[in-house]
Amino acid sequence: MLKYIVKRILFMAPLLLGITIICFFVMHLTPGSPADLQTQMNPKASAQMKERLQALYELDKPIHIQYWSWLKKISRGDLGVSFSSDHRPVADKIMERFPITILINFLSLLIIIAVAIPIGALSAVHQDSLFDKIAGVFVFIGFAIPTFWLALLLMIFFGINLGWLPISGLRSLNYEYLTPWAQIVDLAKHLILPVFISSFGGLAGLSRYMRANMLEVIRQDYIMTARAKGLSERDVIYKHALRNALLPAITILGLSIPGLIGGSVIFETIFAIPGMGQLFYMAVMARDYPTIMGILLIGAILTLVGNLIADVSYAVADPRIRVS
């Protein structure tokens, strides 16, 4: 197992390099540049000022030279300096927002695992029952409703009409003056809507995959054999069928990590949450190339790590994979 993990980690290096090459070149294909955005709306900006900005940002060099310069900085652990007006190091800007995004995505992933897997398994065991039909309706709603539209509806209903939940930010204005327990409650209220929106689509998808996998497993011959040997239905379902049905679901979970991170751009912008998603959106609008590449690099690393965790979880769930 250790040898397999080491091989996968070594394979991640060239894969990560390929991802950065594609992202870097595609990013420069977008119309507009930082120099254009900073000079077009300024009537006093001259062509010489634009050229100086291009030289300052090294945008006057060929794109492969720009990528090589960025890659050398990355190899030293330097993500560069932001092109925005604050000119702060990209690493500092990301690290301020990284914990928030990771917290929301971690909570969303926990909810997806804790809710979707039992719903899918129960829907398969009680196929065509009332519970299965209700779960099916929930799944189709989850696939059909756009995330941003649902977020706006929930903000209007729970935040404006009922006044139960805050609709923006992570803290109230009087947060510093609250007691420690009141601060925890305040943070939890601010997280309810973003975490629900982040996990809603994943709940629908994973529960459906889990139901399909479970239906296929419980029809296998070894499940019939286990029942014929006199094992209880609980043991047959949860000790034999569920473990094998989890294998495809583990793959879906590993692949859902980049989707959760990508979804952060939507709900963090809507709820005004100071996370990596909101930072990425502002960087794209400002053509802040170093910040964009820094966030894409971290997202790529998290995606590859998620796939590695999925493969390791595969081996834990199925001993035959460890032997092979």
Protein backbone atom coordinates (compact mmCIF):
# COMPACT_ATOMS: atom_id res chain seq x y z
CA MET A 1 0.00 0.00 0.00
CA LEU A 2 2.81 2.44 0.88
CA LYS A 3 4.56 1.72 -2.41
CA TYR A 4 1.34 2.37 -4.30
CA ILE A 5 0.79 5.70 -2.52
CA VAL A 6 4.36 6.81 -3.25
CA LYS A 7 3.92 5.98 -6.95
CA ARG A 8 0.69 7.96 -7.11
CA ILE A 9 2.31 10.97 -5.44
CA LEU A 10 5.22 10.87 -7.91
CA PHE A 11 2.77 10.64 -10.80
CA MET A 12 0.95 13.72 -9.49
CA ALA A 13 3.96 15.96 -10.24
CA PRO A 14 3.88 15.77 -14.08
CA LEU A 15 0.09 15.83 -14.00
CA LEU A 16 0.14 19.02 -11.94
CA LEU A 17 2.66 20.53 -14.35
CA GLY A 18 0.35 19.77 -17.29
CA ILE A 19 -2.60 21.36 -15.49
CA THR A 20 -0.65 24.57 -14.82
CA ILE A 21 0.48 24.78 -18.46
CA ILE A 22 -3.08 24.49 -19.75
CA CYS A 23 -4.46 26.95 -17.18
CA PHE A 24 -1.70 29.50 -17.82
CA PHE A 25 -2.12 29.51 -21.59
CA VAL A 26 -5.94 29.49 -21.49
CA MET A 27 -5.92 32.36 -18.98
CA HIS A 28 -3.92 34.52 -21.39
CA LEU A 29 -6.42 33.83 -24.20
CA THR A 30 -9.13 35.81 -22.41
CA PRO A 31 -9.73 39.30 -23.83
CA GLY A 32 -8.25 42.22 -21.96
CA SER A 33 -5.19 42.47 -19.76
CA PRO A 34 -4.38 44.12 -16.41
CA ALA A 35 -2.81 47.04 -18.23
CA ASP A 36 -5.94 47.52 -20.36
CA LEU A 37 -8.27 47.52 -17.36
CA GLN A 38 -6.11 50.00 -15.47
CA THR A 39 -5.76 52.48 -18.34
CA GLN A 40 -8.97 52.29 -20.40
CA MET A 41 -11.15 54.09 -17.82
CA ASN A 42 -8.47 56.69 -17.07
CA PRO A 43 -8.61 59.62 -19.52
CA LYS A 44 -5.13 60.75 -18.43
CA ALA A 45 -3.54 57.38 -19.18
CA SER A 46 -1.30 57.46 -22.23
CA ALA A 47 0.01 54.71 -24.48
CA GLN A 48 3.40 55.03 -22.79
CA MET A 49 1.80 54.38 -19.38
CA LYS A 50 0.18 51.23 -20.74
CA GLU A 51 3.52 50.05 -22.12
CA ARG A 52 5.20 50.67 -18.76
CA LEU A 53 2.50 48.65 -17.01
CA GLN A 54 2.98 45.84 -19.52
CA ALA A 55 6.72 45.86 -18.79
CA LEU A 56 6.12 46.04 -15.02
CA TYR A 57 3.90 42.96 -15.13
CA GLU A 58 6.27 41.25 -17.64
CA LEU A 59 3.35 40.95 -20.06
CA ASP A 60 5.50 42.27 -22.92
CA LYS A 61 7.45 39.02 -22.98
CA PRO A 62 6.46 35.88 -24.95
CA ILE A 63 3.95 33.71 -23.12
CA HIS A 64 6.32 30.77 -22.72
CA ILE A 65 8.86 33.10 -21.07
CA GLN A 66 6.14 34.35 -18.72
CA TYR A 67 5.21 30.79 -17.80
CA TRP A 68 8.84 29.82 -17.20
CA SER A 69 9.31 32.85 -14.94
CA TRP A 70 6.14 31.95 -13.01
CA LEU A 71 7.23 28.32 -12.71
CA LYS A 72 10.62 29.31 -11.27
CA LYS A 73 8.88 31.43 -8.63
CA ILE A 74 6.54 28.57 -7.76
CA SER A 75 9.48 26.20 -7.34
CA ARG A 76 10.78 28.57 -4.65
CA GLY A 77 7.38 28.70 -2.94
CA ASP A 78 6.65 32.21 -4.24
CA LEU A 79 3.18 32.73 -5.75
CA GLY A 80 4.10 36.24 -6.87
CA VAL A 81 2.60 39.64 -6.18
CA SER A 82 -0.98 40.56 -6.98
CA PHE A 83 -1.69 42.91 -9.89
CA SER A 84 -4.50 44.55 -7.91
CA SER A 85 -4.17 47.96 -6.31
CA ASP A 86 -2.95 46.59 -2.97
CA HIS A 87 0.05 44.78 -4.60
CA ARG A 88 0.13 42.26 -1.78
CA PRO A 89 1.80 38.83 -2.01
CA VAL A 90 -0.62 36.32 -3.50
CA ALA A 91 0.23 33.76 -0.81
CA ASP A 92 -0.87 36.15 1.93
CA LYS A 93 -4.17 36.93 0.19
CA ILE A 94 -4.93 33.25 -0.34
CA MET A 95 -3.98 32.14 3.17
CA GLU A 96 -6.35 34.72 4.65
CA ARG A 97 -9.27 33.12 2.79
CA PHE A 98 -8.16 29.50 2.46
CA PRO A 99 -9.40 28.32 5.92
CA ILE A 100 -12.89 29.71 5.28
CA THR A 101 -13.32 27.92 1.96
CA ILE A 102 -11.89 24.66 3.34
CA LEU A 103 -14.21 24.84 6.38
CA ILE A 104 -17.33 25.29 4.24
CA ASN A 105 -16.32 22.56 1.78
CA PHE A 106 -15.37 20.18 4.60
CA LEU A 107 -18.74 20.67 6.29
CA SER A 108 -20.50 20.22 2.95
CA LEU A 109 -18.62 16.98 2.28
CA LEU A 110 -19.50 15.64 5.73
CA ILE A 111 -23.18 16.39 5.15
CA ILE A 112 -23.09 14.77 1.72
CA ILE A 113 -21.51 11.60 3.12
CA ALA A 114 -23.72 11.45 6.23
CA VAL A 115 -27.00 12.03 4.38
CA ALA A 116 -26.63 10.83 0.78
CA ILE A 117 -25.22 7.36 1.50
CA PRO A 118 -27.99 6.32 3.96
CA ILE A 119 -30.69 7.78 1.69
CA GLY A 120 -29.34 5.91 -1.33
CA ALA A 121 -28.98 2.65 0.56
CA LEU A 122 -32.45 2.83 2.11
CA SER A 123 -34.01 3.74 -1.24
CA ALA A 124 -32.47 0.63 -2.79
CA VAL A 125 -33.44 -1.67 0.07
CA HIS A 126 -37.02 -0.33 0.05
CA GLN A 127 -37.33 -0.01 -3.71
CA ASP A 128 -40.59 1.54 -4.99
CA SER A 129 -41.71 2.38 -1.47
CA LEU A 130 -43.01 5.80 -0.41
CA PHE A 131 -39.57 6.70 0.94
CA ASP A 132 -37.96 5.76 -2.37
CA LYS A 133 -40.41 7.90 -4.33
CA ILE A 134 -39.91 10.90 -2.04
CA ALA A 135 -36.13 10.50 -2.32
CA GLY A 136 -36.48 10.31 -6.11
CA VAL A 137 -38.39 13.59 -6.18
CA PHE A 138 -35.70 15.16 -4.01
CA VAL A 139 -33.01 13.94 -6.40
CA PHE A 140 -34.71 15.36 -9.49
CA ILE A 141 -35.25 18.68 -7.73
CA GLY A 142 -31.57 18.73 -6.74
CA PHE A 143 -30.50 18.16 -10.33
CA ALA A 144 -32.96 20.66 -11.80
CA ILE A 145 -32.66 23.70 -9.55
CA PRO A 146 -29.76 26.08 -10.37
CA THR A 147 -27.63 26.66 -7.29
CA PHE A 148 -27.50 30.45 -7.58
CA TRP A 149 -31.29 30.67 -7.99
CA LEU A 150 -31.92 28.48 -4.94
CA ALA A 151 -29.46 30.59 -2.94
CA LEU A 152 -31.35 33.77 -3.80
CA LEU A 153 -34.71 32.17 -2.90
CA LEU A 154 -33.41 31.00 0.49
CA MET A 155 -31.89 34.40 1.18
CA ILE A 156 -35.22 36.09 0.49
CA PHE A 157 -37.29 33.58 2.49
CA PHE A 158 -35.10 32.90 5.56
CA GLY A 159 -33.15 36.14 5.63
CA ILE A 160 -35.57 38.85 4.54
CA ASN A 161 -39.11 37.52 5.01
CA LEU A 162 -38.57 35.51 8.19
CA GLY A 163 -35.41 37.19 9.46
CA TRP A 164 -34.08 33.93 10.90
CA LEU A 165 -30.71 33.75 9.16
CA PRO A 166 -28.16 36.34 8.01
CA ILE A 167 -27.72 36.59 4.25
CA SER A 168 -24.13 37.82 3.91
CA GLY A 169 -20.72 37.57 5.49
CA LEU A 170 -19.53 35.29 8.26
CA ARG A 171 -19.98 37.54 11.27
CA SER A 172 -22.45 40.07 12.59
CA LEU A 173 -21.44 43.67 13.16
CA ASN A 174 -21.46 43.19 16.95
CA TYR A 175 -19.52 39.90 16.78
CA GLU A 176 -16.60 41.17 18.88
CA TYR A 177 -18.92 42.14 21.73
CA LEU A 178 -20.67 38.76 21.96
CA THR A 179 -19.90 36.04 24.48
CA PRO A 180 -17.86 33.04 23.20
CA TRP A 181 -20.96 30.85 22.96
CA ALA A 182 -22.91 33.62 21.20
CA GLN A 183 -20.03 33.99 18.72
CA ILE A 184 -20.24 30.27 17.90
CA VAL A 185 -23.99 30.55 17.39
CA ASP A 186 -23.54 33.63 15.23
CA LEU A 187 -20.94 31.89 13.04
CA ALA A 188 -23.19 28.81 12.74
CA LYS A 189 -26.13 30.94 11.59
CA HIS A 190 -23.98 32.55 8.91
CA LEU A 191 -22.79 29.12 7.71
CA ILE A 192 -26.18 27.38 7.45
CA LEU A 193 -27.22 28.74 4.06
CA PRO A 194 -23.78 28.57 2.35
CA VAL A 195 -23.13 25.02 3.55
CA PHE A 196 -26.61 23.88 2.50
CA ILE A 197 -26.24 25.42 -0.96
CA SER A 198 -22.77 23.90 -1.33
CA SER A 199 -23.97 20.40 -0.42
CA PHE A 200 -27.42 20.41 -2.07
CA GLY A 201 -26.38 19.28 -5.54
CA GLY A 202 -23.92 16.74 -4.17
CA LEU A 203 -26.60 15.22 -1.96
CA ALA A 204 -28.86 14.60 -4.93
CA GLY A 205 -26.14 13.15 -7.15
CA LEU A 206 -24.45 10.86 -4.64
CA SER A 207 -27.71 9.48 -3.25
CA ARG A 208 -28.76 8.49 -6.77
CA TYR A 209 -25.44 6.84 -7.49
CA MET A 210 -25.59 5.04 -4.16
CA ARG A 211 -29.10 3.75 -4.88
CA ALA A 212 -28.09 2.39 -8.29
CA ASN A 213 -24.98 0.70 -6.87
CA MET A 214 -26.92 -0.80 -3.98
CA LEU A 215 -29.62 -2.18 -6.29
CA GLU A 216 -26.96 -3.89 -8.37
CA VAL A 217 -25.17 -5.38 -5.37
CA ILE A 218 -28.21 -6.77 -3.54
CA ARG A 219 -29.10 -8.79 -6.65
CA GLN A 220 -25.75 -10.57 -6.71
CA ASP A 221 -25.47 -14.30 -5.99
CA TYR A 222 -23.34 -13.88 -2.87
CA ILE A 223 -26.10 -11.78 -1.26
CA MET A 224 -28.58 -14.58 -1.93
CA THR A 225 -26.08 -17.04 -0.46
CA ALA A 226 -25.69 -14.92 2.68
CA ARG A 227 -29.44 -14.88 3.15
CA ALA A 228 -29.65 -18.63 2.53
CA LYS A 229 -27.06 -19.21 5.28
CA GLY A 230 -29.43 -17.63 7.78
CA LEU A 231 -27.75 -14.25 8.29
CA SER A 232 -30.00 -11.47 9.48
CA GLU A 233 -31.17 -8.92 6.94
CA ARG A 234 -29.25 -6.22 8.79
CA ASP A 235 -25.98 -8.14 8.47
CA VAL A 236 -26.63 -8.94 4.83
CA ILE A 237 -27.32 -5.33 3.93
CA TYR A 238 -24.84 -3.42 6.08
CA LYS A 239 -21.94 -5.89 6.33
CA HIS A 240 -21.96 -7.38 2.85
CA ALA A 241 -23.94 -5.29 0.38
CA LEU A 242 -23.21 -1.78 1.61
CA ARG A 243 -19.44 -2.18 1.67
CA ASN A 244 -19.31 -3.30 -1.96
CA ALA A 245 -21.80 -0.65 -3.04
CA LEU A 246 -19.55 2.03 -1.56
CA LEU A 247 -16.77 1.48 -4.12
CA PRO A 248 -18.29 3.48 -7.01
CA ALA A 249 -19.58 6.07 -4.53
CA ILE A 250 -16.03 6.61 -3.28
CA THR A 251 -14.96 7.50 -6.80
CA ILE A 252 -17.80 10.01 -7.09
CA LEU A 253 -16.79 11.56 -3.76
CA GLY A 254 -13.19 11.96 -4.95
CA LEU A 255 -14.35 13.63 -8.15
CA SER A 256 -16.80 15.86 -6.28
CA ILE A 257 -14.02 17.76 -4.50
CA PRO A 258 -13.17 19.99 -7.50
CA GLY A 259 -16.90 20.57 -7.99
CA LEU A 260 -17.25 21.79 -4.42
CA ILE A 261 -14.26 24.09 -4.79
CA GLY A 262 -15.59 25.40 -8.08
CA GLY A 263 -18.99 25.96 -6.53
CA SER A 264 -17.35 28.16 -3.90
CA VAL A 265 -17.02 30.86 -6.56
CA ILE A 266 -20.82 31.01 -6.86
CA PHE A 267 -22.04 30.87 -3.29
CA GLU A 268 -19.17 32.87 -1.79
CA THR A 269 -19.89 35.66 -4.25
CA ILE A 270 -23.65 35.53 -3.59
CA PHE A 271 -23.30 35.41 0.21
CA ALA A 272 -20.33 37.84 0.29
CA ILE A 273 -18.16 35.30 2.09
CA PRO A 274 -14.48 36.29 2.16
CA GLY A 275 -13.18 32.96 0.85
CA MET A 276 -11.07 31.75 -2.05
CA GLY A 277 -14.08 31.61 -4.35
CA GLN A 278 -14.86 35.29 -3.92
CA LEU A 279 -11.16 36.13 -4.29
CA PHE A 280 -11.01 34.11 -7.51
CA TYR A 281 -14.03 35.94 -8.94
CA MET A 282 -12.54 39.35 -8.17
CA ALA A 283 -9.17 38.27 -9.59
CA VAL A 284 -10.80 37.14 -12.85
CA MET A 285 -12.69 40.42 -13.18
CA ALA A 286 -9.44 42.37 -12.60
CA ARG A 287 -7.30 40.03 -14.79
CA ASP A 288 -5.08 39.48 -11.74
CA TYR A 289 -3.04 36.69 -13.30
CA PRO A 290 -0.80 35.78 -10.30
CA THR A 291 -3.83 35.45 -8.00
CA ILE A 292 -5.77 33.44 -10.57
CA MET A 293 -2.86 31.03 -11.08
CA GLY A 294 -2.27 30.72 -7.35
CA ILE A 295 -5.87 29.73 -6.68
CA LEU A 296 -5.96 27.37 -9.69
CA LEU A 297 -2.74 25.74 -8.46
CA ILE A 298 -4.19 25.12 -5.00
CA GLY A 299 -7.43 23.85 -6.52
CA ALA A 300 -5.49 21.44 -8.75
CA ILE A 301 -3.50 20.14 -5.78
CA LEU A 302 -6.67 19.61 -3.74
CA THR A 303 -8.26 17.78 -6.69
CA LEU A 304 -5.29 15.43 -7.08
CA VAL A 305 -5.18 14.82 -3.32
CA GLY A 306 -8.91 14.07 -3.39
CA ASN A 307 -8.41 11.49 -6.12
CA LEU A 308 -5.56 9.95 -4.14
CA ILE A 309 -7.77 9.72 -1.04
CA ALA A 310 -10.47 8.08 -3.17
CA ASP A 311 -8.01 5.46 -4.42
CA VAL A 312 -6.75 4.74 -0.90
CA SER A 313 -10.34 4.50 0.34
CA TYR A 314 -10.97 2.01 -2.46
CA ALA A 315 -8.24 -0.20 -1.07
CA VAL A 316 -9.61 0.12 2.46
CA ALA A 317 -13.13 -0.84 1.35
CA ASP A 318 -12.04 -3.74 -0.89
CA PRO A 319 -9.12 -5.93 0.30
CA ARG A 320 -8.76 -7.37 -3.21
CA ILE A 321 -7.46 -4.02 -4.45
CA ARG A 322 -4.71 -4.07 -1.81
CA VAL A 323 -3.60 -7.50 -2.99
CA SER A 324 -3.51 -6.43 -6.65
